[in-house]
Every structure is written in structure tokens, then in C-alpha cells.
Amino acid sequence: MRMRMRRKRKKRRKRRRRRRNTNTKEDKQQQTLRSLLGEEEEEEEEKEEEEEEEEEEHTAIIIQVSSKSAI
């Protein structure tokens, strides 16, 4: 009787461990996907900011040139 109970307990524990492990693996995969997507979004935002800065510099140069030519 005791042996059966031990076996059952052991099997239950194994099943629980497997379930927990599979869940964590899936969670980790989802987290990595999210982090990769987050990094791509950050890169896009940085590119947009750089483009805006370049446009601002370009307009500033145009304003300087036009003010010098007016003088």
C-alpha cells in the first residue's frame, strides 16, 4: 500500500513539475518576443528623432543664410 501511495505521489509531483516548466518556457519565449519588439520600436523612435533634428538643423541653416543675404 505504501509503495503505491509513494508512486502516485511521485507521478503527481512529476506532472506538476512538467506543467510548471512548460509554462515558464512559454512565458520566457513571449517575454523575449516582447523585448525584441520593444527594441525595434525604440530604434524606430530614435530614427524619427534623428530625422527631426536634421530637419531642424537644415531650417536653421536656411534662416541664417537668408538673414545674411538680407543684410
C-alpha atoms as a PDB file:
ATOM      1  CA  MET A   1       0.000   0.000   0.000  1.00  0.00           C
ATOM      2  CA  ARG A   2       2.700   2.462   0.946  1.00  0.00           C
ATOM      3  CA  MET A   3       4.589   1.777  -2.249  1.00  0.00           C
ATOM      4  CA  ARG A   4       1.516   2.584  -4.329  1.00  0.00           C
ATOM      5  CA  MET A   5       0.997   5.820  -2.464  1.00  0.00           C
ATOM      6  CA  ARG A   6       4.627   6.780  -2.979  1.00  0.00           C
ATOM      7  CA  ARG A   7       4.406   6.033  -6.695  1.00  0.00           C
ATOM      8  CA  LYS A   8       1.245   8.063  -7.033  1.00  0.00           C
ATOM      9  CA  ARG A   9       2.809  10.974  -5.162  1.00  0.00           C
ATOM     10  CA  LYS A  10       5.918  10.747  -7.278  1.00  0.00           C
ATOM     11  CA  LYS A  11       3.898  10.749 -10.505  1.00  0.00           C
ATOM     12  CA  ARG A  12       1.820  13.683  -9.309  1.00  0.00           C
ATOM     13  CA  ARG A  13       4.949  15.655  -8.490  1.00  0.00           C
ATOM     14  CA  LYS A  14       6.453  14.869 -11.889  1.00  0.00           C
ATOM     15  CA  ARG A  15       3.297  16.019 -13.644  1.00  0.00           C
ATOM     16  CA  ARG A  16       3.237  19.250 -11.653  1.00  0.00           C
ATOM     17  CA  ARG A  17       6.886  19.943 -12.423  1.00  0.00           C
ATOM     18  CA  ARG A  18       6.351  19.340 -16.116  1.00  0.00           C
ATOM     19  CA  ARG A  19       3.369  21.664 -16.185  1.00  0.00           C
ATOM     20  CA  ARG A  20       5.251  24.380 -14.348  1.00  0.00           C
ATOM     21  CA  ASN A  21       8.283  24.024 -16.582  1.00  0.00           C
ATOM     22  CA  THR A  22       6.298  24.199 -19.802  1.00  0.00           C
ATOM     23  CA  ASN A  23       4.522  27.310 -18.591  1.00  0.00           C
ATOM     24  CA  THR A  24       7.771  29.027 -17.747  1.00  0.00           C
ATOM     25  CA  LYS A  25       9.278  28.126 -21.118  1.00  0.00           C
ATOM     26  CA  GLU A  26       6.307  29.651 -22.931  1.00  0.00           C
ATOM     27  CA  ASP A  27       6.449  32.717 -20.736  1.00  0.00           C
ATOM     28  CA  LYS A  28      10.143  33.158 -21.450  1.00  0.00           C
ATOM     29  CA  GLN A  29       9.532  32.896 -25.197  1.00  0.00           C
ATOM     30  CA  GLN A  30       6.791  35.500 -25.015  1.00  0.00           C
ATOM     31  CA  GLN A  31       8.998  37.803 -22.975  1.00  0.00           C
ATOM     32  CA  THR A  32      11.821  37.518 -25.487  1.00  0.00           C
ATOM     33  CA  LEU A  33       9.433  38.277 -28.335  1.00  0.00           C
ATOM     34  CA  ARG A  34       8.093  41.288 -26.460  1.00  0.00           C
ATOM     35  CA  SER A  35      11.570  42.548 -25.712  1.00  0.00           C
ATOM     36  CA  LEU A  36      12.596  42.174 -29.354  1.00  0.00           C
ATOM     37  CA  LEU A  37       9.520  44.065 -30.499  1.00  0.00           C
ATOM     38  CA  GLY A  38      10.184  46.729 -27.882  1.00  0.00           C
ATOM     39  CA  GLU A  39      13.741  47.166 -29.109  1.00  0.00           C
ATOM     40  CA  GLU A  40      12.554  47.565 -32.703  1.00  0.00           C
ATOM     41  CA  GLU A  41      10.076  50.229 -31.626  1.00  0.00           C
ATOM     42  CA  GLU A  42      12.813  52.077 -29.729  1.00  0.00           C
ATOM     43  CA  GLU A  43      15.074  52.017 -32.788  1.00  0.00           C
ATOM     44  CA  GLU A  44      12.275  53.429 -34.943  1.00  0.00           C
ATOM     45  CA  GLU A  45      11.668  56.217 -32.428  1.00  0.00           C
ATOM     46  CA  GLU A  46      15.381  57.066 -32.362  1.00  0.00           C
ATOM     47  CA  LYS A  47      15.475  57.255 -36.165  1.00  0.00           C
ATOM     48  CA  GLU A  48      12.460  59.564 -36.186  1.00  0.00           C
ATOM     49  CA  GLU A  49      14.061  61.822 -33.575  1.00  0.00           C
ATOM     50  CA  GLU A  50      17.288  61.999 -35.576  1.00  0.00           C
ATOM     51  CA  GLU A  51      15.360  62.913 -38.729  1.00  0.00           C
ATOM     52  CA  GLU A  52      13.521  65.673 -36.872  1.00  0.00           C
ATOM     53  CA  GLU A  53      16.807  67.047 -35.543  1.00  0.00           C
ATOM     54  CA  GLU A  54      18.303  67.056 -39.049  1.00  0.00           C
ATOM     55  CA  GLU A  55      15.264  68.919 -40.380  1.00  0.00           C
ATOM     56  CA  GLU A  56      15.565  71.496 -37.613  1.00  0.00           C
ATOM     57  CA  GLU A  57      19.263  71.991 -38.362  1.00  0.00           C
ATOM     58  CA  HIS A  58      18.506  72.357 -42.064  1.00  0.00           C
ATOM     59  CA  THR A  59      15.833  75.003 -41.449  1.00  0.00           C
ATOM     60  CA  ALA A  60      18.174  76.831 -39.060  1.00  0.00           C
ATOM     61  CA  ILE A  61      20.858  76.949 -41.765  1.00  0.00           C
ATOM     62  CA  ILE A  62      18.372  78.279 -44.306  1.00  0.00           C
ATOM     63  CA  ILE A  63      17.270  81.008 -41.898  1.00  0.00           C
ATOM     64  CA  GLN A  64      20.893  82.024 -41.255  1.00  0.00           C
ATOM     65  CA  VAL A  65      21.681  82.192 -44.966  1.00  0.00           C
ATOM     66  CA  SER A  66      18.582  84.215 -45.732  1.00  0.00           C
ATOM     67  CA  SER A  67      19.290  86.665 -42.896  1.00  0.00           C
ATOM     68  CA  LYS A  68      22.895  87.172 -44.104  1.00  0.00           C
ATOM     69  CA  SER A  69      21.786  87.777 -47.652  1.00  0.00           C
ATOM     70  CA  ALA A  70      19.232  90.329 -46.417  1.00  0.00           C
ATOM     71  CA  ILE A  71      21.993  92.279 -44.682  1.00  0.00           C
END
